[in-house]
Amino acid sequence: MCEKIVLQETDAAVMETLSLVLELEGFVVFPLAADTGDLIDYIDQIRPHIIMLDYKLDGHICIDMCHRIKEKYPHLPVIAMSCNCNIHEEYNKAGFDAYIKKPFDLDRLYYIVRKYIAKPGSASV
């Protein structure tokens, strides 16, 4: 079984690049360009091991998405991705399990994702 990642990113170029580097590591990536309103249904269908959300400048939409995910799936890891300089202070208060700063350090990206996907075949939601 391949580890599945739902990846929400508003920048198409970043989405494409991030999807590629995660797929090169053996993950199956399910891209999501925006909150389509049926995020929980999407997660129900995909059954991912981890969710990665683009934490926009104000963060409110992303925080709301995180809260909706955690309400139904409290143990599903949700990671914020941001170029905001204060993301390291904000992510935990907003309910995220971790954060990844943009621009991405690939070693750090892989480390954080693997931290929440401990081994191949680990259980998804």
Protein backbone atom coordinates (compact mmCIF):
# COMPACT_ATOMS: atom_id res chain seq x y z
CA MET A 1 0.00 0.00 0.00
CA CYS A 2 1.32 3.45 -0.95
CA GLU A 3 1.16 6.35 1.44
CA LYS A 4 -1.35 8.93 0.26
CA ILE A 5 -1.06 12.68 0.70
CA VAL A 6 -3.80 15.21 0.03
CA LEU A 7 -1.95 18.35 -1.01
CA GLN A 8 -3.79 21.68 -1.12
CA GLU A 9 -1.78 24.47 -2.74
CA THR A 10 -2.99 27.69 -4.36
CA ASP A 11 0.06 28.24 -6.59
CA ALA A 12 -0.02 25.89 -9.60
CA ALA A 13 3.77 25.90 -10.06
CA VAL A 14 4.38 25.07 -6.40
CA MET A 15 1.68 22.37 -6.57
CA GLU A 16 3.33 20.76 -9.59
CA THR A 17 6.83 20.88 -8.11
CA LEU A 18 5.79 19.68 -4.67
CA SER A 19 3.71 16.86 -6.15
CA LEU A 20 6.70 15.76 -8.22
CA VAL A 21 9.18 15.71 -5.32
CA LEU A 22 6.74 13.83 -3.10
CA GLU A 23 5.98 11.31 -5.86
CA LEU A 24 9.73 10.78 -6.36
CA GLU A 25 9.83 9.73 -2.69
CA GLY A 26 7.15 7.13 -3.36
CA PHE A 27 4.07 8.98 -2.10
CA VAL A 28 0.79 9.09 -4.00
CA VAL A 29 -0.26 12.74 -4.17
CA PHE A 30 -3.85 13.92 -4.54
CA PRO A 31 -3.70 17.62 -5.45
CA LEU A 32 -6.39 20.01 -4.36
CA ALA A 33 -6.13 23.54 -5.76
CA ALA A 34 -8.65 25.15 -3.40
CA ASP A 35 -11.26 24.39 -0.79
CA THR A 36 -14.09 23.18 -2.97
CA GLY A 37 -16.50 22.89 -0.05
CA ASP A 38 -16.46 19.10 -0.12
CA LEU A 39 -13.07 18.64 1.55
CA ILE A 40 -14.33 16.05 4.03
CA ASP A 41 -16.00 14.06 1.24
CA TYR A 42 -12.71 14.20 -0.69
CA ILE A 43 -10.83 12.89 2.37
CA ASP A 44 -13.49 10.19 2.87
CA GLN A 45 -12.89 8.99 -0.71
CA ILE A 46 -9.08 9.23 -0.75
CA ARG A 47 -8.41 7.97 2.81
CA PRO A 48 -5.04 9.75 3.03
CA HIS A 49 -2.26 9.25 5.55
CA ILE A 50 -1.54 12.98 5.78
CA ILE A 51 -2.96 16.37 4.68
CA MET A 52 -0.77 19.30 3.64
CA LEU A 53 -2.44 22.72 3.48
CA ASP A 54 -1.22 26.01 2.02
CA TYR A 55 -1.38 28.48 4.91
CA LYS A 56 -2.18 31.73 3.09
CA LEU A 57 -1.16 35.15 4.37
CA ASP A 58 -4.22 35.54 6.62
CA GLY A 59 -4.48 31.81 7.32
CA HIS A 60 -8.20 31.91 8.16
CA ILE A 61 -9.35 29.64 5.33
CA CYS A 62 -6.59 27.15 6.03
CA ILE A 63 -7.32 27.19 9.77
CA ASP A 64 -11.00 26.55 9.06
CA MET A 65 -10.03 23.64 6.80
CA CYS A 66 -7.80 22.21 9.53
CA HIS A 67 -10.59 22.48 12.11
CA ARG A 68 -13.07 20.71 9.82
CA ILE A 69 -10.57 17.91 9.20
CA LYS A 70 -9.69 17.52 12.89
CA GLU A 71 -13.37 17.50 13.88
CA LYS A 72 -13.97 14.34 11.87
CA TYR A 73 -10.46 12.88 11.89
CA PRO A 74 -8.70 14.02 15.09
CA HIS A 75 -5.70 11.70 14.52
CA LEU A 76 -5.12 12.56 10.84
CA PRO A 77 -1.93 14.65 10.61
CA VAL A 78 -2.47 18.08 9.06
CA ILE A 79 0.61 20.06 8.08
CA ALA A 80 0.64 23.78 7.31
CA MET A 81 2.91 25.04 4.53
CA SER A 82 3.76 28.73 4.54
CA CYS A 83 6.19 31.47 3.67
CA ASN A 84 4.83 33.51 6.60
CA CYS A 85 7.65 34.43 8.92
CA ASN A 86 5.52 33.66 12.00
CA ILE A 87 4.23 30.24 10.97
CA HIS A 88 6.41 28.60 13.63
CA GLU A 89 4.42 30.55 16.26
CA GLU A 90 0.98 30.14 14.74
CA TYR A 91 0.65 26.56 13.48
CA ASN A 92 0.16 24.83 16.83
CA LYS A 93 -2.40 27.37 18.10
CA ALA A 94 -4.39 26.79 14.91
CA GLY A 95 -4.50 23.00 15.43
CA PHE A 96 -1.90 21.85 12.89
CA ASP A 97 0.40 18.97 13.71
CA ALA A 98 3.45 20.53 12.06
CA TYR A 99 4.53 23.17 9.57
CA ILE A 100 6.88 23.37 6.63
CA LYS A 101 8.39 26.72 5.66
CA LYS A 102 8.47 27.91 2.07
CA PRO A 103 10.71 27.90 0.16
CA PHE A 104 11.03 24.22 0.86
CA ASP A 105 14.11 22.52 2.18
CA LEU A 106 13.58 19.06 0.67
CA ASP A 107 15.36 17.22 3.46
CA ARG A 108 13.16 18.98 6.03
CA LEU A 109 10.05 18.33 3.93
CA TYR A 110 10.77 14.60 3.73
CA TYR A 111 11.67 14.46 7.43
CA ILE A 112 8.36 16.02 8.52
CA VAL A 113 6.24 13.92 6.16
CA ARG A 114 8.01 10.72 7.24
CA LYS A 115 7.56 11.70 10.89
CA TYR A 116 3.80 11.43 10.40
CA ILE A 117 3.92 8.51 7.98
CA ALA A 118 6.12 6.28 10.09
CA LYS A 119 6.54 3.35 7.73
CA PRO A 120 5.26 2.01 4.43
CA GLY A 121 1.80 0.55 4.78
CA SER A 122 0.86 2.60 7.82
CA ALA A 123 -2.85 3.07 8.36
CA SER A 124 -4.73 5.92 6.75
CA VAL A 125 -8.01 7.48 7.92
